[in-house]
Each structure stands twice: as C-alpha cells, then as structure tokens.
C-alpha cells in the first residue's frame, strides 16, 4: 500500500476501530495530512490515532520525527520560553 492508500483507508474507520472505543478518524485530519505530505514527500508513515487524528512518522538515517494532526490542535513550538 502507498501512503495515500493508507490515509484513504482511515476514512472507513468506525468508532471502536481499535476494539477499545477509539474515535473514527476525522476526515479533515486526513486531508491535512495529505496536504502536508505533498510538501514533505511520501517517506512518512501515516498512523491512525485513537483520538481521531493522524500521526505522520519519519524514520531514516538516525532521524525519528513524529507529527500529530488533531481536530482541535493548538499550535505548539519546541521553545518553552513562550
């Protein structure tokens, strides 16, 4: 499967898809993930999140990066100084 097929498959996830009551994957999160992947490239692995969001993971050459896309995300930076 390609990253695009994986993301499209998330649209079919119903409440409880993880058998523990997970939220269905929000279609806006899927669309935002696709838009981001157009800019970042398709070396990322999409992961469904139990809250209804989508995580994108990148593991290559010693780099491990994860981006979480959620319905009502508040932008955060790595700078704790404000």
C-alpha atoms as a PDB file:
ATOM      1  CA  UNK A   1       0.000   0.000   0.000  1.00  0.00           C
ATOM      2  CA  UNK A   2       1.064   3.557  -0.582  1.00  0.00           C
ATOM      3  CA  UNK A   3       0.863   6.354   1.949  1.00  0.00           C
ATOM      4  CA  UNK A   4      -2.149   7.722   0.007  1.00  0.00           C
ATOM      5  CA  UNK A   5      -3.980   4.384   0.173  1.00  0.00           C
ATOM      6  CA  UNK A   6      -3.264   4.111   3.890  1.00  0.00           C
ATOM      7  CA  UNK A   7      -4.753   7.549   4.504  1.00  0.00           C
ATOM      8  CA  UNK A   8      -7.834   6.782   2.416  1.00  0.00           C
ATOM      9  CA  UNK A   9      -8.355   3.530   4.344  1.00  0.00           C
ATOM     10  CA  UNK A  10      -8.552   5.592   7.567  1.00  0.00           C
ATOM     11  CA  UNK A  11     -11.787   7.163   6.251  1.00  0.00           C
ATOM     12  CA  UNK A  12     -13.532   3.813   6.795  1.00  0.00           C
ATOM     13  CA  UNK A  13     -12.554   3.509  10.464  1.00  0.00           C
ATOM     14  CA  UNK A  14     -15.664   3.489  12.660  1.00  0.00           C
ATOM     15  CA  UNK A  15     -15.895   4.247  16.380  1.00  0.00           C
ATOM     16  CA  UNK A  16     -14.096   1.447  18.238  1.00  0.00           C
ATOM     17  CA  UNK A  17     -11.800   0.538  15.316  1.00  0.00           C
ATOM     18  CA  UNK A  18      -9.117  -0.414  17.843  1.00  0.00           C
ATOM     19  CA  UNK A  19     -11.661  -2.530  19.816  1.00  0.00           C
ATOM     20  CA  UNK A  20     -11.271  -0.135  22.792  1.00  0.00           C
ATOM     21  CA  UNK A  21     -13.603   2.704  21.799  1.00  0.00           C
ATOM     22  CA  UNK A  22     -11.275   4.766  19.577  1.00  0.00           C
ATOM     23  CA  UNK A  23     -12.810   7.711  17.744  1.00  0.00           C
ATOM     24  CA  UNK A  24     -13.354   7.470  13.979  1.00  0.00           C
ATOM     25  CA  UNK A  25     -10.559   9.196  12.077  1.00  0.00           C
ATOM     26  CA  UNK A  26     -11.536  12.773  11.276  1.00  0.00           C
ATOM     27  CA  UNK A  27     -11.677  13.359   7.516  1.00  0.00           C
ATOM     28  CA  UNK A  28     -10.263  16.876   7.908  1.00  0.00           C
ATOM     29  CA  UNK A  29      -7.198  15.393   9.627  1.00  0.00           C
ATOM     30  CA  UNK A  30      -6.743  13.017   6.709  1.00  0.00           C
ATOM     31  CA  UNK A  31      -6.985  15.912   4.248  1.00  0.00           C
ATOM     32  CA  UNK A  32      -4.497  17.990   6.263  1.00  0.00           C
ATOM     33  CA  UNK A  33      -2.095  15.026   6.380  1.00  0.00           C
ATOM     34  CA  UNK A  34      -2.296  14.691   2.604  1.00  0.00           C
ATOM     35  CA  UNK A  35      -1.630  18.411   2.121  1.00  0.00           C
ATOM     36  CA  UNK A  36       1.378  18.200   4.428  1.00  0.00           C
ATOM     37  CA  UNK A  37       2.746  15.112   2.649  1.00  0.00           C
ATOM     38  CA  UNK A  38       2.601  16.945  -0.675  1.00  0.00           C
ATOM     39  CA  UNK A  39       5.154  19.358   0.806  1.00  0.00           C
ATOM     40  CA  UNK A  40       7.187  16.857   2.855  1.00  0.00           C
ATOM     41  CA  UNK A  41       7.242  13.891   0.489  1.00  0.00           C
ATOM     42  CA  UNK A  42       5.903  10.392   0.949  1.00  0.00           C
ATOM     43  CA  UNK A  43       8.696   8.901   3.077  1.00  0.00           C
ATOM     44  CA  UNK A  44       6.356   9.308   6.060  1.00  0.00           C
ATOM     45  CA  UNK A  45       4.227   6.565   7.601  1.00  0.00           C
ATOM     46  CA  UNK A  46       0.650   7.567   8.499  1.00  0.00           C
ATOM     47  CA  UNK A  47      -0.651   6.164  11.791  1.00  0.00           C
ATOM     48  CA  UNK A  48      -4.284   6.428  12.945  1.00  0.00           C
ATOM     49  CA  UNK A  49      -4.691   7.951  16.409  1.00  0.00           C
ATOM     50  CA  UNK A  50      -7.320   6.820  18.942  1.00  0.00           C
ATOM     51  CA  UNK A  51      -8.429  10.461  19.408  1.00  0.00           C
ATOM     52  CA  UNK A  52      -9.470  10.617  15.721  1.00  0.00           C
ATOM     53  CA  UNK A  53      -6.329  12.303  14.437  1.00  0.00           C
ATOM     54  CA  UNK A  54      -3.490  11.173  12.204  1.00  0.00           C
ATOM     55  CA  UNK A  55       0.192  10.878  13.103  1.00  0.00           C
ATOM     56  CA  UNK A  56       2.904  11.020  10.458  1.00  0.00           C
ATOM     57  CA  UNK A  57       6.145   9.286  11.359  1.00  0.00           C
ATOM     58  CA  UNK A  58       9.514   9.553   9.655  1.00  0.00           C
ATOM     59  CA  UNK A  59      12.408   7.216  10.450  1.00  0.00           C
ATOM     60  CA  UNK A  60      15.526   7.483   8.322  1.00  0.00           C
ATOM     61  CA  UNK A  61      19.287   7.864   8.765  1.00  0.00           C
ATOM     62  CA  UNK A  62      19.010   8.223  12.534  1.00  0.00           C
ATOM     63  CA  UNK A  63      16.160  10.741  12.408  1.00  0.00           C
ATOM     64  CA  UNK A  64      12.889   9.925  14.163  1.00  0.00           C
ATOM     65  CA  UNK A  65      10.206  12.564  13.691  1.00  0.00           C
ATOM     66  CA  UNK A  66       6.500  12.437  14.507  1.00  0.00           C
ATOM     67  CA  UNK A  67       3.854  14.986  13.571  1.00  0.00           C
ATOM     68  CA  UNK A  68       0.382  14.703  15.095  1.00  0.00           C
ATOM     69  CA  UNK A  69      -2.601  16.174  13.274  1.00  0.00           C
ATOM     70  CA  UNK A  70      -5.652  16.501  15.505  1.00  0.00           C
ATOM     71  CA  UNK A  71      -9.106  18.021  15.152  1.00  0.00           C
ATOM     72  CA  UNK A  72      -8.664  20.928  17.539  1.00  0.00           C
ATOM     73  CA  UNK A  73      -4.941  21.211  17.814  1.00  0.00           C
ATOM     74  CA  UNK A  74      -3.363  24.223  19.431  1.00  0.00           C
ATOM     75  CA  UNK A  75      -0.105  25.191  17.715  1.00  0.00           C
ATOM     76  CA  UNK A  76       2.888  24.453  19.893  1.00  0.00           C
ATOM     77  CA  UNK A  77       6.577  25.057  19.450  1.00  0.00           C
ATOM     78  CA  UNK A  78       9.573  23.361  20.962  1.00  0.00           C
ATOM     79  CA  UNK A  79      10.517  26.604  22.697  1.00  0.00           C
ATOM     80  CA  UNK A  80       9.385  26.608  26.325  1.00  0.00           C
ATOM     81  CA  UNK A  81      10.108  30.321  26.667  1.00  0.00           C
ATOM     82  CA  UNK A  82       6.751  31.408  25.358  1.00  0.00           C
END
